[in-house]
Amino acid sequence: MFSKKIIDWYSENGRSLPWRVTSDAYKIWLSEIILQQTRIEQGTSYYLRFVETFPTVCDLAAASEQEVLKLWQGLGYYSRARNLHAAAQYIATELDGRFPDTYEGILKLKGVGRYTAAAIASFAYRLPYPVIDGNVYRLVARLYGISTPIGTDAAYKEFEQLLQHLIDRRRPDLFNQAMMDFGSIYCKPVPVNCETCIFRQECVARREDRVALLPVKAAATAVKERWFYYYHLEWRSDGQTLTLLHQRTGSDIWRGLYEFPLLEADHPLSDEELQQQNNTFFSSLHVTPATKAEVAFSLDHKLTHRTIHATFIHAILPEDSTPNIRNDKPYTAEGLKKLPISRLIDRYLSSMCKKSPAPFGKK
């Protein structure tokens, strides 16, 4: 029987993870949201910090969004953190702090899709809903020779229907964990050691020499390029070094995070174009840099469907400057440490800290 075979394998080879030793739906939900598009090695430390800081869903609900975003800092895809916070507040206020205990109820939570709802339902409540992630897609596609492109609704329905027949209805939690671990640990994209696989006799892909061809992936979405020019401004006032920051608004992925003043271009700027932009920018602030504005750092930041080419321009303003800061706000170094910032800004600040104690912005 397939389910017994893979659960037996899991009992000997499964990964030991902190969220697998609890049936607390809140903690399992935390782990699933944190691990979306995040490696287990990185996500584990964030999970442990969240559980320690917010032991219950009501503790998370009572926190400010800024506190949640700060704790999330470095994980990326910040909409996950905002949805997590909103869902916690919904549970605390609308459900009297009780985490939903049905698949349908879990699916209603903001930021929860079919995969996450199935994971929580099976791991916390042992409800027989198959969990379908990339590892499961790969394993099932190879075992049964399925060529339907994954990442489509048609594929999800086809794989879900098949897995409903395979799942151990008494132990759906162990079955789902076994499927994910076998796909991750054994039935990898490459290399694949089919000759020692426990399913080598049943595997259609092995028999038909199609292991390297499965699963079939849907056409990738075109990657959009964007060019960001950040201005890191510093000046002394009342004995303190100040930095100009603003909080992003709107509905983009970095909403609620803090960053330097930003100007975006639709193409990479030439030296002449950048100089012209600098002149316009500093003129709008009604200040002149005390030292030449210089490119301090450049990096490429890759997201799922876009690549951001970021250039950081550092400038020191005259002491006791009063820049026309509009919607921005000056912060001290200590104040900056308390604010949630994007991974992109964090990478820049980390790179500058590693530089020699030469004047800031000098290469």
Protein backbone atom coordinates (compact mmCIF):
# COMPACT_ATOMS: atom_id res chain seq x y z
CA MET A 1 0.00 0.00 0.00
CA PHE A 2 1.51 3.33 -1.10
CA SER A 3 0.64 5.38 2.00
CA LYS A 4 2.08 2.80 4.41
CA LYS A 5 5.24 2.50 2.36
CA ILE A 6 5.99 6.22 2.33
CA ILE A 7 5.01 6.72 6.00
CA ASP A 8 7.35 3.87 6.97
CA TRP A 9 10.12 5.63 5.02
CA TYR A 10 9.30 8.88 6.80
CA SER A 11 9.48 7.28 10.24
CA GLU A 12 13.11 6.42 9.51
CA ASN A 13 14.19 9.39 7.42
CA GLY A 14 11.87 12.34 8.10
CA ARG A 15 13.27 15.72 9.12
CA SER A 16 13.01 16.83 12.76
CA LEU A 17 11.50 20.33 12.73
CA PRO A 18 10.18 22.41 15.67
CA TRP A 19 6.68 22.86 14.23
CA ARG A 20 6.28 19.11 13.82
CA VAL A 21 6.25 18.48 17.57
CA THR A 22 3.08 20.50 18.14
CA SER A 23 -0.57 20.25 17.17
CA ASP A 24 -1.13 23.95 17.97
CA ALA A 25 -2.80 25.30 14.84
CA TYR A 26 -1.48 28.81 15.53
CA LYS A 27 2.15 27.66 15.58
CA ILE A 28 1.66 25.46 12.52
CA TRP A 29 0.07 28.41 10.69
CA LEU A 30 3.05 30.60 11.66
CA SER A 31 5.48 28.05 10.26
CA GLU A 32 3.57 27.65 7.01
CA ILE A 33 3.38 31.40 6.35
CA ILE A 34 7.05 31.93 7.23
CA LEU A 35 8.17 29.04 5.02
CA GLN A 36 6.35 30.28 1.92
CA GLN A 37 9.15 30.98 -0.58
CA THR A 38 11.70 30.63 2.23
CA ARG A 39 14.27 27.92 2.86
CA ILE A 40 13.75 25.87 6.03
CA GLU A 41 17.26 26.77 7.25
CA GLN A 42 16.42 30.47 7.16
CA GLY A 43 12.79 30.19 8.22
CA THR A 44 13.42 28.17 11.39
CA SER A 45 15.09 31.04 13.25
CA TYR A 46 12.25 33.40 12.31
CA TYR A 47 9.67 30.85 13.45
CA LEU A 48 11.35 30.50 16.85
CA ARG A 49 11.56 34.30 17.27
CA PHE A 50 7.88 34.76 16.38
CA VAL A 51 6.77 32.03 18.79
CA GLU A 52 8.86 33.56 21.57
CA THR A 53 7.69 37.13 20.89
CA PHE A 54 4.05 36.26 20.18
CA PRO A 55 3.23 33.00 22.05
CA THR A 56 -0.47 33.14 21.08
CA VAL A 57 -2.53 34.44 18.21
CA CYS A 58 -3.92 37.15 20.50
CA ASP A 59 -0.38 38.32 21.31
CA LEU A 60 0.28 38.67 17.59
CA ALA A 61 -3.01 40.48 17.07
CA ALA A 62 -2.19 42.98 19.83
CA ALA A 63 1.14 43.96 18.26
CA SER A 64 1.46 46.92 15.90
CA GLU A 65 2.06 46.30 12.22
CA GLN A 66 5.44 48.01 12.56
CA GLU A 67 6.48 45.53 15.29
CA VAL A 68 5.47 42.60 13.08
CA LEU A 69 7.27 43.99 10.03
CA LYS A 70 10.43 44.63 12.08
CA LEU A 71 10.48 41.04 13.33
CA TRP A 72 9.85 39.84 9.76
CA GLN A 73 12.70 41.96 8.37
CA GLY A 74 15.00 39.99 6.06
CA LEU A 75 12.43 37.39 4.96
CA GLY A 76 11.08 39.43 2.05
CA TYR A 77 7.60 39.23 0.50
CA TYR A 78 6.29 41.51 3.24
CA SER A 79 2.67 41.03 2.22
CA ARG A 80 2.94 37.71 4.07
CA ALA A 81 3.66 39.56 7.33
CA ARG A 82 0.85 42.05 6.79
CA ASN A 83 -1.61 39.25 5.98
CA LEU A 84 -0.41 37.30 9.02
CA HIS A 85 -1.09 40.28 11.26
CA ALA A 86 -4.49 40.99 9.70
CA ALA A 87 -5.55 37.34 10.04
CA ALA A 88 -4.46 37.30 13.70
CA GLN A 89 -6.58 40.37 14.37
CA TYR A 90 -9.53 38.72 12.61
CA ILE A 91 -9.16 35.61 14.77
CA ALA A 92 -8.82 37.67 17.96
CA THR A 93 -11.81 39.91 17.30
CA GLU A 94 -14.20 37.89 15.13
CA LEU A 95 -13.47 34.36 16.36
CA ASP A 96 -12.86 35.16 20.04
CA GLY A 97 -9.22 34.12 19.73
CA ARG A 98 -10.04 30.59 18.60
CA PHE A 99 -8.17 29.39 15.54
CA PRO A 100 -10.59 27.93 12.93
CA ASP A 101 -10.70 24.14 12.98
CA THR A 102 -12.12 23.37 9.53
CA TYR A 103 -10.48 23.53 6.12
CA GLU A 104 -13.09 26.03 4.94
CA GLY A 105 -12.60 28.21 8.01
CA ILE A 106 -8.83 28.19 7.66
CA LEU A 107 -9.10 29.05 3.96
CA LYS A 108 -10.99 32.25 4.87
CA LEU A 109 -7.94 33.66 6.65
CA LYS A 110 -6.15 36.42 4.79
CA GLY A 111 -3.06 35.16 2.99
CA VAL A 112 -4.07 31.49 3.23
CA GLY A 113 -4.44 29.48 0.03
CA ARG A 114 -5.27 25.86 -0.69
CA TYR A 115 -1.82 24.52 0.16
CA THR A 116 -1.57 26.31 3.52
CA ALA A 117 -5.16 25.45 4.50
CA ALA A 118 -4.56 21.77 3.72
CA ALA A 119 -1.30 21.79 5.69
CA ILE A 120 -2.87 23.31 8.81
CA ALA A 121 -5.98 21.13 8.57
CA SER A 122 -3.96 17.94 8.32
CA PHE A 123 -1.11 18.76 10.72
CA ALA A 124 -3.22 20.36 13.47
CA TYR A 125 -6.53 18.52 13.17
CA ARG A 126 -5.68 15.38 11.16
CA LEU A 127 -8.20 16.23 8.47
CA PRO A 128 -7.61 14.30 5.21
CA TYR A 129 -6.60 17.12 2.87
CA PRO A 130 -3.54 16.48 0.69
CA VAL A 131 -0.77 19.06 0.78
CA ILE A 132 0.56 19.87 -2.68
CA ASP A 133 3.83 21.78 -2.89
CA GLY A 134 6.64 21.66 -5.45
CA ASN A 135 8.14 18.52 -3.91
CA VAL A 136 4.82 16.69 -4.02
CA TYR A 137 4.16 17.78 -7.60
CA ARG A 138 7.55 16.41 -8.66
CA LEU A 139 7.17 13.10 -6.83
CA VAL A 140 3.63 12.39 -8.06
CA ALA A 141 4.32 13.56 -11.62
CA ARG A 142 7.21 11.10 -11.87
CA LEU A 143 5.50 8.21 -10.12
CA TYR A 144 2.43 8.40 -12.36
CA GLY A 145 3.94 9.91 -15.51
CA ILE A 146 1.73 13.04 -15.40
CA SER A 147 2.59 15.65 -18.04
CA THR A 148 0.01 18.29 -17.14
CA PRO A 149 1.96 21.56 -16.58
CA ILE A 150 2.11 22.31 -12.86
CA GLY A 151 1.24 25.75 -11.55
CA THR A 152 -2.18 25.65 -13.23
CA ASP A 153 -5.65 25.05 -11.78
CA ALA A 154 -6.05 22.02 -14.03
CA ALA A 155 -2.90 20.46 -12.58
CA TYR A 156 -3.91 21.20 -9.00
CA LYS A 157 -7.30 19.51 -9.47
CA GLU A 158 -5.74 16.50 -11.19
CA PHE A 159 -3.07 15.97 -8.53
CA GLU A 160 -5.51 16.65 -5.69
CA GLN A 161 -7.94 14.03 -6.99
CA LEU A 162 -5.19 11.43 -7.24
CA LEU A 163 -3.81 12.24 -3.80
CA GLN A 164 -7.26 11.96 -2.25
CA HIS A 165 -7.13 8.27 -3.22
CA LEU A 166 -3.60 7.81 -1.89
CA ILE A 167 -3.75 9.70 1.41
CA ASP A 168 -3.86 7.75 4.68
CA ARG A 169 -7.14 9.00 6.12
CA ARG A 170 -6.19 7.97 9.65
CA ARG A 171 -2.74 9.59 9.48
CA PRO A 172 -3.00 12.43 6.96
CA ASP A 173 -0.46 14.49 8.91
CA LEU A 174 2.24 11.84 8.59
CA PHE A 175 1.31 11.12 4.97
CA ASN A 176 1.65 14.77 3.95
CA GLN A 177 4.91 15.24 5.82
CA ALA A 178 6.26 12.05 4.26
CA MET A 179 5.32 13.16 0.74
CA MET A 180 7.02 16.54 1.15
CA ASP A 181 10.14 15.09 2.75
CA PHE A 182 10.53 12.30 0.20
CA GLY A 183 10.29 14.82 -2.63
CA SER A 184 12.74 17.17 -0.91
CA ILE A 185 15.26 14.63 0.36
CA TYR A 186 15.08 11.81 -2.18
CA CYS A 187 13.15 12.59 -5.34
CA LYS A 188 15.08 15.78 -6.03
CA PRO A 189 15.16 17.72 -9.30
CA VAL A 190 18.83 16.62 -9.65
CA PRO A 191 20.66 14.43 -8.96
CA VAL A 192 18.19 11.56 -8.87
CA ASN A 193 19.20 8.12 -7.59
CA CYS A 194 16.40 6.05 -9.06
CA GLU A 195 18.12 2.68 -8.64
CA THR A 196 17.83 2.75 -4.84
CA CYS A 197 14.41 4.45 -4.68
CA ILE A 198 11.74 2.53 -2.78
CA PHE A 199 9.32 3.29 -5.64
CA ARG A 200 11.61 2.26 -8.50
CA GLN A 201 9.33 -0.60 -9.56
CA GLU A 202 6.19 1.55 -9.66
CA CYS A 203 7.67 4.75 -11.12
CA VAL A 204 6.35 5.46 -14.62
CA ALA A 205 8.96 8.17 -15.28
CA ARG A 206 11.81 5.74 -14.52
CA ARG A 207 10.29 3.04 -16.67
CA GLU A 208 9.80 5.44 -19.60
CA ASP A 209 13.10 7.30 -19.07
CA ARG A 210 11.27 10.61 -18.41
CA VAL A 211 12.57 11.45 -14.94
CA ALA A 212 14.46 14.53 -16.17
CA LEU A 213 11.37 15.72 -18.09
CA LEU A 214 8.91 15.70 -15.19
CA PRO A 215 7.22 17.62 -13.81
CA VAL A 216 6.33 19.84 -16.76
CA LYS A 217 6.31 23.50 -15.75
CA ALA A 218 3.96 26.16 -17.06
CA ALA A 219 5.49 28.99 -19.07
CA ALA A 220 7.35 31.41 -16.84
CA THR A 221 6.08 34.96 -16.41
CA ALA A 222 8.29 37.57 -18.04
CA VAL A 223 10.59 39.35 -15.60
CA LYS A 224 10.21 43.14 -15.49
CA GLU A 225 13.24 45.34 -14.88
CA ARG A 226 13.11 48.47 -12.72
CA TRP A 227 15.80 51.06 -11.91
CA PHE A 228 15.78 52.62 -8.42
CA TYR A 229 17.96 55.54 -7.33
CA TYR A 230 18.07 55.96 -3.55
CA TYR A 231 19.46 59.05 -1.81
CA HIS A 232 21.18 58.41 1.50
CA LEU A 233 21.46 61.89 3.03
CA GLU A 234 23.26 62.62 6.28
CA TRP A 235 23.76 65.85 8.22
CA ARG A 236 24.61 66.97 11.74
CA SER A 237 22.10 68.81 13.89
CA ASP A 238 22.25 69.44 17.64
CA GLY A 239 25.20 67.08 17.91
CA GLN A 240 23.45 64.15 16.22
CA THR A 241 23.81 62.61 12.76
CA LEU A 242 20.46 62.50 10.99
CA THR A 243 19.30 60.43 8.02
CA LEU A 244 16.27 61.17 5.86
CA LEU A 245 13.72 58.35 5.51
CA HIS A 246 10.11 57.90 4.49
CA GLN A 247 7.55 55.17 4.98
CA ARG A 248 6.16 53.54 1.85
CA THR A 249 2.41 53.77 1.39
CA GLY A 250 0.10 52.43 -1.31
CA SER A 251 -0.40 48.75 -2.00
CA ASP A 252 2.99 47.48 -3.16
CA ILE A 253 5.01 44.71 -1.52
CA TRP A 254 7.03 47.13 0.63
CA ARG A 255 4.08 49.06 2.04
CA GLY A 256 4.77 50.07 5.64
CA LEU A 257 8.56 49.74 5.33
CA TYR A 258 11.03 52.62 5.58
CA GLU A 259 13.50 53.63 2.91
CA PHE A 260 15.62 56.53 1.67
CA PRO A 261 14.14 59.10 -0.72
CA LEU A 262 13.69 57.29 -4.02
CA LEU A 263 13.55 58.30 -7.66
CA GLU A 264 12.67 55.60 -10.19
CA ALA A 265 13.69 55.59 -13.85
CA ASP A 266 12.46 53.47 -16.76
CA HIS A 267 16.04 52.81 -17.94
CA PRO A 268 19.56 52.87 -16.51
CA LEU A 269 20.69 56.48 -16.27
CA SER A 270 23.86 57.67 -17.96
CA ASP A 271 26.37 59.72 -15.97
CA GLU A 272 24.96 62.89 -17.51
CA GLU A 273 21.36 61.89 -16.74
CA LEU A 274 22.27 60.96 -13.17
CA GLN A 275 24.00 64.29 -12.63
CA GLN A 276 20.98 66.13 -13.95
CA GLN A 277 18.71 64.10 -11.66
CA ASN A 278 20.98 64.87 -8.70
CA ASN A 279 20.83 68.59 -9.42
CA THR A 280 17.04 68.50 -9.63
CA PHE A 281 16.71 66.43 -6.46
CA PHE A 282 18.96 68.61 -4.29
CA SER A 283 17.36 71.74 -5.67
CA SER A 284 13.96 70.43 -4.54
CA LEU A 285 15.37 70.01 -1.01
CA HIS A 286 16.65 73.60 -1.05
CA VAL A 287 20.11 72.37 0.00
CA THR A 288 23.49 71.78 -1.58
CA PRO A 289 25.61 68.78 -0.55
CA ALA A 290 28.64 69.79 1.50
CA THR A 291 30.53 67.02 -0.28
CA LYS A 292 29.96 65.71 -3.76
CA ALA A 293 27.05 63.29 -4.05
CA GLU A 294 28.59 59.94 -4.93
CA VAL A 295 27.38 56.51 -5.91
CA ALA A 296 28.14 54.50 -2.78
CA PHE A 297 26.71 51.11 -3.73
CA SER A 298 24.85 49.29 -6.49
CA LEU A 299 23.08 45.96 -6.41
CA ASP A 300 20.57 43.82 -8.28
CA HIS A 301 17.64 42.60 -6.19
CA LYS A 302 15.72 39.71 -7.76
CA LEU A 303 12.07 39.13 -6.95
CA THR A 304 9.70 36.57 -8.45
CA HIS A 305 8.61 38.61 -11.45
CA ARG A 306 10.96 41.56 -11.43
CA THR A 307 14.59 42.55 -11.05
CA ILE A 308 15.38 45.81 -9.29
CA HIS A 309 18.63 47.52 -10.23
CA ALA A 310 19.31 49.74 -7.22
CA THR A 311 21.84 52.54 -7.00
CA PHE A 312 22.54 54.24 -3.67
CA ILE A 313 23.78 57.81 -3.75
CA HIS A 314 25.34 59.11 -0.58
CA ALA A 315 25.68 62.80 0.27
CA ILE A 316 26.61 64.75 3.39
CA LEU A 317 24.62 67.95 3.79
CA PRO A 318 25.91 71.09 5.52
CA GLU A 319 25.66 70.97 9.31
CA ASP A 320 22.34 72.16 10.76
CA SER A 321 20.70 71.88 7.35
CA THR A 322 16.95 72.24 7.18
CA PRO A 323 16.06 70.32 4.01
CA ASN A 324 12.60 70.65 2.54
CA ILE A 325 11.74 67.13 3.57
CA ARG A 326 8.09 67.03 2.41
CA ASN A 327 6.67 63.67 3.55
CA ASP A 328 10.06 62.41 4.74
CA LYS A 329 11.41 62.52 8.28
CA PRO A 330 14.91 62.69 9.81
CA TYR A 331 16.02 59.78 12.01
CA THR A 332 19.05 59.18 14.19
CA ALA A 333 21.08 55.99 13.82
CA GLU A 334 19.36 54.54 16.89
CA GLY A 335 15.95 55.48 15.51
CA LEU A 336 16.74 53.77 12.22
CA LYS A 337 17.55 50.50 14.00
CA LYS A 338 13.99 50.35 15.36
CA LEU A 339 12.29 50.72 11.97
CA PRO A 340 11.30 47.92 9.60
CA ILE A 341 13.25 48.24 6.36
CA SER A 342 13.28 46.23 3.16
CA ARG A 343 15.91 43.58 2.45
CA LEU A 344 17.26 45.85 -0.26
CA ILE A 345 17.93 48.74 2.16
CA ASP A 346 19.30 46.29 4.73
CA ARG A 347 21.79 44.91 2.19
CA TYR A 348 23.03 48.42 1.47
CA LEU A 349 23.44 49.36 5.14
CA SER A 350 25.21 46.07 5.86
CA SER A 351 27.63 46.63 2.98
CA MET A 352 28.47 50.14 4.20
CA CYS A 353 29.14 48.91 7.74
CA LYS A 354 31.77 46.51 6.38
CA LYS A 355 33.69 49.26 4.62
CA SER A 356 36.79 50.90 6.06
CA PRO A 357 36.33 54.03 8.17
CA ALA A 358 36.99 56.29 5.17
CA PRO A 359 34.48 59.13 4.58
CA PHE A 360 31.04 57.66 3.96
CA GLY A 361 30.43 57.18 0.27
CA LYS A 362 34.09 57.20 -0.75
CA LYS A 363 35.33 54.21 -2.69
